[in-house]
N, C-alpha and C. Protein backbone atom coordinates (compact mmCIF):
# COMPACT_ATOMS: atom_id res chain seq x y z
N MET A 1 96.00 86.70 73.35
CA MET A 1 95.04 87.18 74.43
C MET A 1 96.28 88.48 75.48
N THR A 2 96.10 89.43 75.48
CA THR A 2 96.43 90.65 76.45
C THR A 2 96.65 90.22 77.42
N PRO A 3 98.04 90.47 78.35
CA PRO A 3 97.86 90.31 80.30
C PRO A 3 96.61 90.70 80.42
N GLU A 4 96.54 91.94 80.02
CA GLU A 4 95.11 92.42 81.00
C GLU A 4 93.47 91.60 80.55
N ALA A 5 93.56 91.43 79.41
CA ALA A 5 92.75 90.09 79.24
C ALA A 5 92.61 89.46 79.73
N LEU A 6 93.49 88.72 80.41
CA LEU A 6 94.05 87.87 81.32
C LEU A 6 93.49 87.56 82.67
N ARG A 7 93.87 89.03 82.77
CA ARG A 7 93.57 89.52 84.00
C ARG A 7 92.30 89.49 84.35
N ASN A 8 91.61 89.65 83.12
CA ASN A 8 89.94 89.77 83.61
C ASN A 8 89.43 88.65 83.57
N LEU A 9 90.00 88.19 82.93
CA LEU A 9 89.21 86.53 82.68
C LEU A 9 88.74 85.87 84.24
N ILE A 10 90.36 85.94 84.87
CA ILE A 10 90.76 85.42 85.83
C ILE A 10 89.67 85.71 86.97
N VAL A 11 90.03 87.91 86.72
CA VAL A 11 89.11 88.60 88.51
C VAL A 11 87.81 87.81 88.41
N GLY A 12 86.95 87.65 87.32
CA GLY A 12 85.69 86.94 86.73
C GLY A 12 85.41 86.02 87.11
N ALA A 13 86.70 85.04 86.21
CA ALA A 13 86.30 83.58 87.26
C ALA A 13 85.81 82.96 89.11
N LEU A 14 87.09 84.26 89.84
CA LEU A 14 87.23 83.98 91.11
C LEU A 14 85.72 84.57 91.60
N GLU A 15 85.52 85.71 90.62
CA GLU A 15 84.08 86.68 91.20
C GLU A 15 83.25 85.34 90.88
N ASP A 16 83.10 84.52 89.83
CA ASP A 16 81.87 83.92 89.39
C ASP A 16 81.77 82.84 90.77
N ARG A 17 82.74 82.71 91.31
CA ARG A 17 83.23 81.54 92.01
C ARG A 17 83.34 81.97 93.93
N LYS A 18 82.39 83.26 93.66
CA LYS A 18 81.98 84.24 94.91
C LYS A 18 83.87 83.85 95.67
N GLY A 19 84.51 83.96 95.60
CA GLY A 19 86.23 84.35 95.56
C GLY A 19 86.38 85.90 96.46
N ARG A 20 86.81 85.99 97.58
CA ARG A 20 87.23 86.66 98.92
C ARG A 20 88.29 87.89 98.89
N ASP A 21 87.99 89.16 98.44
CA ASP A 21 88.76 89.99 98.81
C ASP A 21 89.83 89.79 97.62
N VAL A 22 89.37 89.22 96.19
CA VAL A 22 89.97 89.38 94.97
C VAL A 22 91.55 91.06 94.42
N VAL A 23 92.70 90.42 94.91
CA VAL A 23 93.39 91.98 94.43
C VAL A 23 94.70 91.13 92.66
N ALA A 24 93.55 92.56 92.78
CA ALA A 24 95.53 92.25 91.41
C ALA A 24 95.94 92.88 90.86
N MET A 25 97.02 92.71 91.18
CA MET A 25 98.28 94.07 91.19
C MET A 25 99.03 93.30 90.21
N ASP A 26 99.71 94.70 89.24
CA ASP A 26 100.45 94.85 88.34
C ASP A 26 101.64 94.66 88.30
N VAL A 27 102.58 93.89 88.33
CA VAL A 27 103.94 93.61 88.55
C VAL A 27 104.68 94.11 87.33
N THR A 28 104.55 94.44 87.05
CA THR A 28 105.80 94.68 85.38
C THR A 28 107.40 94.92 85.86
N ARG A 29 106.93 96.72 86.53
CA ARG A 29 107.97 97.09 87.10
C ARG A 29 108.42 96.32 88.07
N VAL A 30 108.00 95.28 88.51
CA VAL A 30 109.82 94.70 89.55
C VAL A 30 109.32 93.69 89.24
N SER A 31 108.76 92.37 88.22
CA SER A 31 109.04 91.40 87.88
C SER A 31 109.32 90.89 86.42
N ASP A 32 109.75 90.03 86.24
CA ASP A 32 110.27 89.70 84.96
C ASP A 32 109.48 88.17 84.20
N VAL A 33 109.10 88.09 85.63
CA VAL A 33 108.71 86.57 85.39
C VAL A 33 107.08 86.51 85.11
N THR A 34 105.90 87.40 85.42
CA THR A 34 105.07 87.46 85.01
C THR A 34 104.24 88.76 85.26
N ASP A 35 103.12 89.70 84.67
CA ASP A 35 102.95 90.54 84.63
C ASP A 35 101.55 91.40 85.92
N TYR A 36 100.74 89.95 85.81
CA TYR A 36 100.03 90.37 86.97
C TYR A 36 100.08 89.59 87.97
N MET A 37 100.09 89.72 89.60
CA MET A 37 99.73 88.63 91.13
C MET A 37 98.66 89.00 90.95
N ILE A 38 96.91 87.84 90.85
CA ILE A 38 96.06 88.17 91.14
C ILE A 38 96.41 86.87 92.82
N ILE A 39 95.29 87.77 94.02
CA ILE A 39 95.01 87.23 95.03
C ILE A 39 94.23 86.88 95.57
N ALA A 40 93.39 85.78 95.77
CA ALA A 40 91.80 85.27 96.44
C ALA A 40 91.75 84.55 97.46
N SER A 41 90.50 84.31 98.30
CA SER A 41 90.68 83.87 99.73
C SER A 41 89.19 82.90 98.98
N GLY A 42 89.95 82.06 100.05
CA GLY A 42 88.54 81.05 99.99
C GLY A 42 88.02 80.94 101.50
N THR A 43 87.03 80.57 101.59
CA THR A 43 86.43 80.29 102.78
C THR A 43 86.41 78.71 103.55
N SER A 44 87.27 77.63 102.57
CA SER A 44 87.18 75.59 103.37
C SER A 44 88.09 75.66 102.17
N ASN A 45 88.59 74.08 102.14
CA ASN A 45 89.51 73.75 100.71
C ASN A 45 88.81 73.30 100.21
N ARG A 46 87.57 73.10 100.23
CA ARG A 46 86.26 73.00 98.65
C ARG A 46 86.03 73.90 98.26
N HIS A 47 86.00 75.67 99.55
CA HIS A 47 85.94 76.56 98.36
C HIS A 47 87.37 76.67 97.39
N VAL A 48 88.29 77.01 97.42
CA VAL A 48 89.57 77.07 97.06
C VAL A 48 89.64 76.02 96.16
N LYS A 49 89.23 75.13 95.82
CA LYS A 49 89.24 74.23 95.26
C LYS A 49 89.00 74.56 93.90
N ALA A 50 87.28 74.90 94.59
CA ALA A 50 86.52 74.87 93.53
C ALA A 50 86.95 76.19 92.67
N LEU A 51 87.30 77.41 93.81
CA LEU A 51 87.87 78.56 92.91
C LEU A 51 89.11 78.09 92.21
N VAL A 52 90.08 77.55 92.55
CA VAL A 52 91.09 76.87 91.20
C VAL A 52 90.40 75.99 90.25
N ASP A 53 89.52 75.63 90.07
CA ASP A 53 89.08 74.82 89.06
C ASP A 53 88.93 75.81 88.23
N ASN A 54 87.54 76.30 88.70
CA ASN A 54 87.36 77.46 87.10
C ASN A 54 87.84 78.89 87.05
N VAL A 55 89.55 78.94 87.34
CA VAL A 55 90.18 79.46 86.95
C VAL A 55 90.66 78.46 85.78
N VAL A 56 91.06 77.89 85.68
CA VAL A 56 91.82 76.65 85.34
C VAL A 56 90.70 76.18 84.11
N ALA A 57 89.92 76.32 84.49
CA ALA A 57 88.90 76.18 83.34
C ALA A 57 88.28 77.27 81.95
N ALA A 58 88.03 78.68 82.73
CA ALA A 58 87.78 79.74 82.58
C ALA A 58 89.12 79.85 80.90
N ALA A 59 90.86 79.70 82.10
CA ALA A 59 91.39 80.19 81.01
C ALA A 59 92.09 79.14 79.54
N THR A 60 91.79 77.77 80.65
CA THR A 60 91.81 77.03 78.39
C THR A 60 91.08 76.72 78.56
N SER A 61 89.42 77.40 78.21
CA SER A 61 88.32 77.37 77.05
C SER A 61 88.84 78.92 76.67
N ALA A 62 89.64 80.06 77.10
CA ALA A 62 90.09 81.32 76.01
C ALA A 62 90.93 80.50 75.36
N GLY A 63 91.44 78.81 75.67
CA GLY A 63 92.49 78.82 75.15
C GLY A 63 94.17 79.52 75.94
N VAL A 64 94.73 79.43 77.22
CA VAL A 64 95.49 79.65 77.56
C VAL A 64 96.05 78.48 78.45
N ARG A 65 96.75 77.88 78.37
CA ARG A 65 96.89 77.06 78.67
C ARG A 65 97.70 76.60 80.10
N PRO A 66 97.59 76.82 81.60
CA PRO A 66 97.64 76.76 83.24
C PRO A 66 99.20 76.18 82.64
N LEU A 67 100.07 76.43 82.70
CA LEU A 67 102.11 76.14 82.94
C LEU A 67 102.06 75.59 84.59
N GLY A 68 101.13 75.86 84.82
CA GLY A 68 101.83 74.53 86.23
C GLY A 68 100.32 75.52 87.71
N VAL A 69 99.81 74.54 88.46
CA VAL A 69 99.26 74.42 89.84
C VAL A 69 99.75 73.77 90.86
N GLU A 70 100.33 74.03 91.45
CA GLU A 70 100.69 73.35 92.76
C GLU A 70 99.65 73.56 94.23
N GLY A 71 99.86 72.94 95.46
CA GLY A 71 98.98 72.86 96.35
C GLY A 71 97.75 72.59 96.27
N ARG A 72 97.42 71.59 95.41
CA ARG A 72 96.52 70.62 95.22
C ARG A 72 96.29 69.84 95.89
N GLU A 73 97.41 69.35 96.67
CA GLU A 73 97.13 68.58 98.12
C GLU A 73 96.55 68.72 99.54
N THR A 74 96.69 70.11 99.89
CA THR A 74 95.66 70.41 100.88
C THR A 74 94.93 72.07 100.57
N HIS A 75 94.87 72.19 99.29
CA HIS A 75 94.05 73.33 99.39
C HIS A 75 93.99 74.83 100.20
N GLU A 76 95.63 74.68 100.86
CA GLU A 76 95.17 75.52 102.20
C GLU A 76 95.77 76.99 101.46
N TRP A 77 97.19 76.83 100.00
CA TRP A 77 97.45 77.88 99.58
C TRP A 77 97.65 76.86 98.05
N VAL A 78 96.85 76.99 96.52
CA VAL A 78 96.86 76.94 95.96
C VAL A 78 98.07 77.68 94.53
N LEU A 79 98.65 77.75 93.57
CA LEU A 79 99.17 78.64 92.85
C LEU A 79 99.00 77.33 91.82
N VAL A 80 98.00 78.80 90.80
CA VAL A 80 98.12 78.98 88.83
C VAL A 80 98.87 79.85 88.87
N ASP A 81 99.50 79.01 87.82
CA ASP A 81 100.55 79.66 86.38
C ASP A 81 100.15 80.21 85.31
N VAL A 82 99.78 80.96 84.94
CA VAL A 82 99.07 80.92 83.79
C VAL A 82 99.87 82.47 82.20
N GLY A 83 101.40 81.92 83.31
CA GLY A 83 101.94 82.93 82.26
C GLY A 83 101.72 84.33 83.26
N ASP A 84 101.63 85.75 82.22
CA ASP A 84 101.29 86.88 82.42
C ASP A 84 100.38 86.64 83.07
N ALA A 85 100.00 85.71 83.77
CA ALA A 85 99.18 86.72 85.86
C ALA A 85 99.57 84.70 86.55
N LEU A 86 100.32 85.51 87.37
CA LEU A 86 100.19 84.11 88.72
C LEU A 86 99.09 84.16 90.15
N VAL A 87 98.17 83.92 89.94
CA VAL A 87 96.65 83.47 90.60
C VAL A 87 97.31 83.11 91.75
N HIS A 88 96.75 83.56 93.68
CA HIS A 88 97.30 82.66 94.71
C HIS A 88 95.83 82.75 95.21
N VAL A 89 95.22 81.59 95.84
CA VAL A 89 93.59 81.50 95.76
C VAL A 89 94.66 80.71 97.31
N MET A 90 94.19 81.65 98.47
CA MET A 90 94.42 80.57 99.42
C MET A 90 93.30 80.94 100.15
N GLN A 91 93.27 79.94 101.84
CA GLN A 91 91.97 79.99 102.04
C GLN A 91 92.61 81.48 104.08
N ALA A 92 91.31 82.17 104.63
CA ALA A 92 91.84 83.18 104.88
C ALA A 92 92.90 83.02 105.70
N GLU A 93 93.35 82.32 106.24
CA GLU A 93 94.40 82.12 107.78
C GLU A 93 95.77 82.23 107.04
N THR A 94 95.85 81.40 105.77
CA THR A 94 97.49 81.64 105.28
C THR A 94 97.49 82.76 104.53
N ARG A 95 96.56 83.41 103.82
CA ARG A 95 96.63 84.68 103.98
C ARG A 95 97.11 86.04 104.42
N ASP A 96 96.25 85.54 105.32
CA ASP A 96 96.91 86.72 106.58
C ASP A 96 97.81 86.25 107.32
N PHE A 97 98.20 85.28 106.99
CA PHE A 97 99.93 84.98 107.57
C PHE A 97 100.74 85.41 106.75
N TYR A 98 101.31 84.74 105.60
CA TYR A 98 101.70 84.80 104.22
C TYR A 98 101.78 87.30 103.52
N ASP A 99 100.92 87.44 103.58
CA ASP A 99 99.98 88.87 103.73
C ASP A 99 101.16 89.77 102.19
N LEU A 100 100.91 88.77 101.09
CA LEU A 100 101.83 88.35 100.00
C LEU A 100 101.11 90.39 99.42
N GLU A 101 100.11 90.93 99.05
CA GLU A 101 99.72 91.84 99.25
C GLU A 101 100.92 93.75 100.41
N ARG A 102 101.38 92.74 101.22
CA ARG A 102 101.83 93.61 101.52
C ARG A 102 103.08 93.76 101.18
N LEU A 103 104.14 91.83 100.95
CA LEU A 103 105.16 92.33 100.33
C LEU A 103 105.50 92.40 98.84
N TRP A 104 104.60 92.52 98.08
CA TRP A 104 104.74 93.18 96.72
C TRP A 104 104.51 94.91 96.87
N ALA A 105 103.93 95.23 97.74
CA ALA A 105 103.56 96.28 97.83
C ALA A 105 104.53 97.24 98.02
N GLU A 106 105.77 96.79 99.09
CA GLU A 106 106.98 97.27 99.71
C GLU A 106 108.15 97.13 98.76
N LEU A 107 108.22 97.10 97.90
CA LEU A 107 108.99 96.01 96.55
C LEU A 107 109.53 97.90 95.84
N PRO A 108 111.30 98.15 96.22
CA PRO A 108 111.54 99.22 96.05
C PRO A 108 110.83 99.26 94.23
N VAL A 109 110.59 100.43 93.77
CA VAL A 109 110.55 100.46 92.47
C VAL A 109 111.40 101.69 91.58
N GLU A 110 112.75 101.11 91.09
CA GLU A 110 113.73 101.62 89.70
C GLU A 110 112.77 103.04 89.14
N ASP A 111 113.81 104.38 89.66
CA ASP A 111 113.19 105.35 88.64
C ASP A 111 114.15 105.05 87.32
N GLU A 112 112.86 105.49 86.64
CA GLU A 112 113.08 105.48 84.98
C GLU A 112 114.44 105.93 84.90
N THR A 113 114.97 107.26 85.33
CA THR A 113 115.89 107.87 85.49
C THR A 113 116.95 107.76 85.58
N SER A 114 117.20 106.47 86.53
CA SER A 114 118.45 106.18 86.94
C SER A 114 119.12 104.84 85.91
N VAL A 115 118.11 104.81 85.43
CA VAL A 115 118.74 103.26 84.85
C VAL A 115 119.62 103.07 83.46
């Protein structure tokens, strides 16, 4: 599965369970770890759990086995690593506090001509 197809699958899985403010960022120019950082909000710990469970089920059904899932103890912030995409599902307060979109958006990008 291409990274773009995986991104679309995950975004669809999040939207199917009414994930809020879903953002998919292409981080290929600043990260060797993953191609996409996908962030979504849930309204409660149960909603975060449902979103994560749907992402894991969709990936598994497509033949992509998640490499890890962290944060299921509290469901305030759960990270799902599916290789070409890292999925962060958070409760709104946690997402506002850590503001990952701003952190990743402000990373300097090297000019290819200077490399």
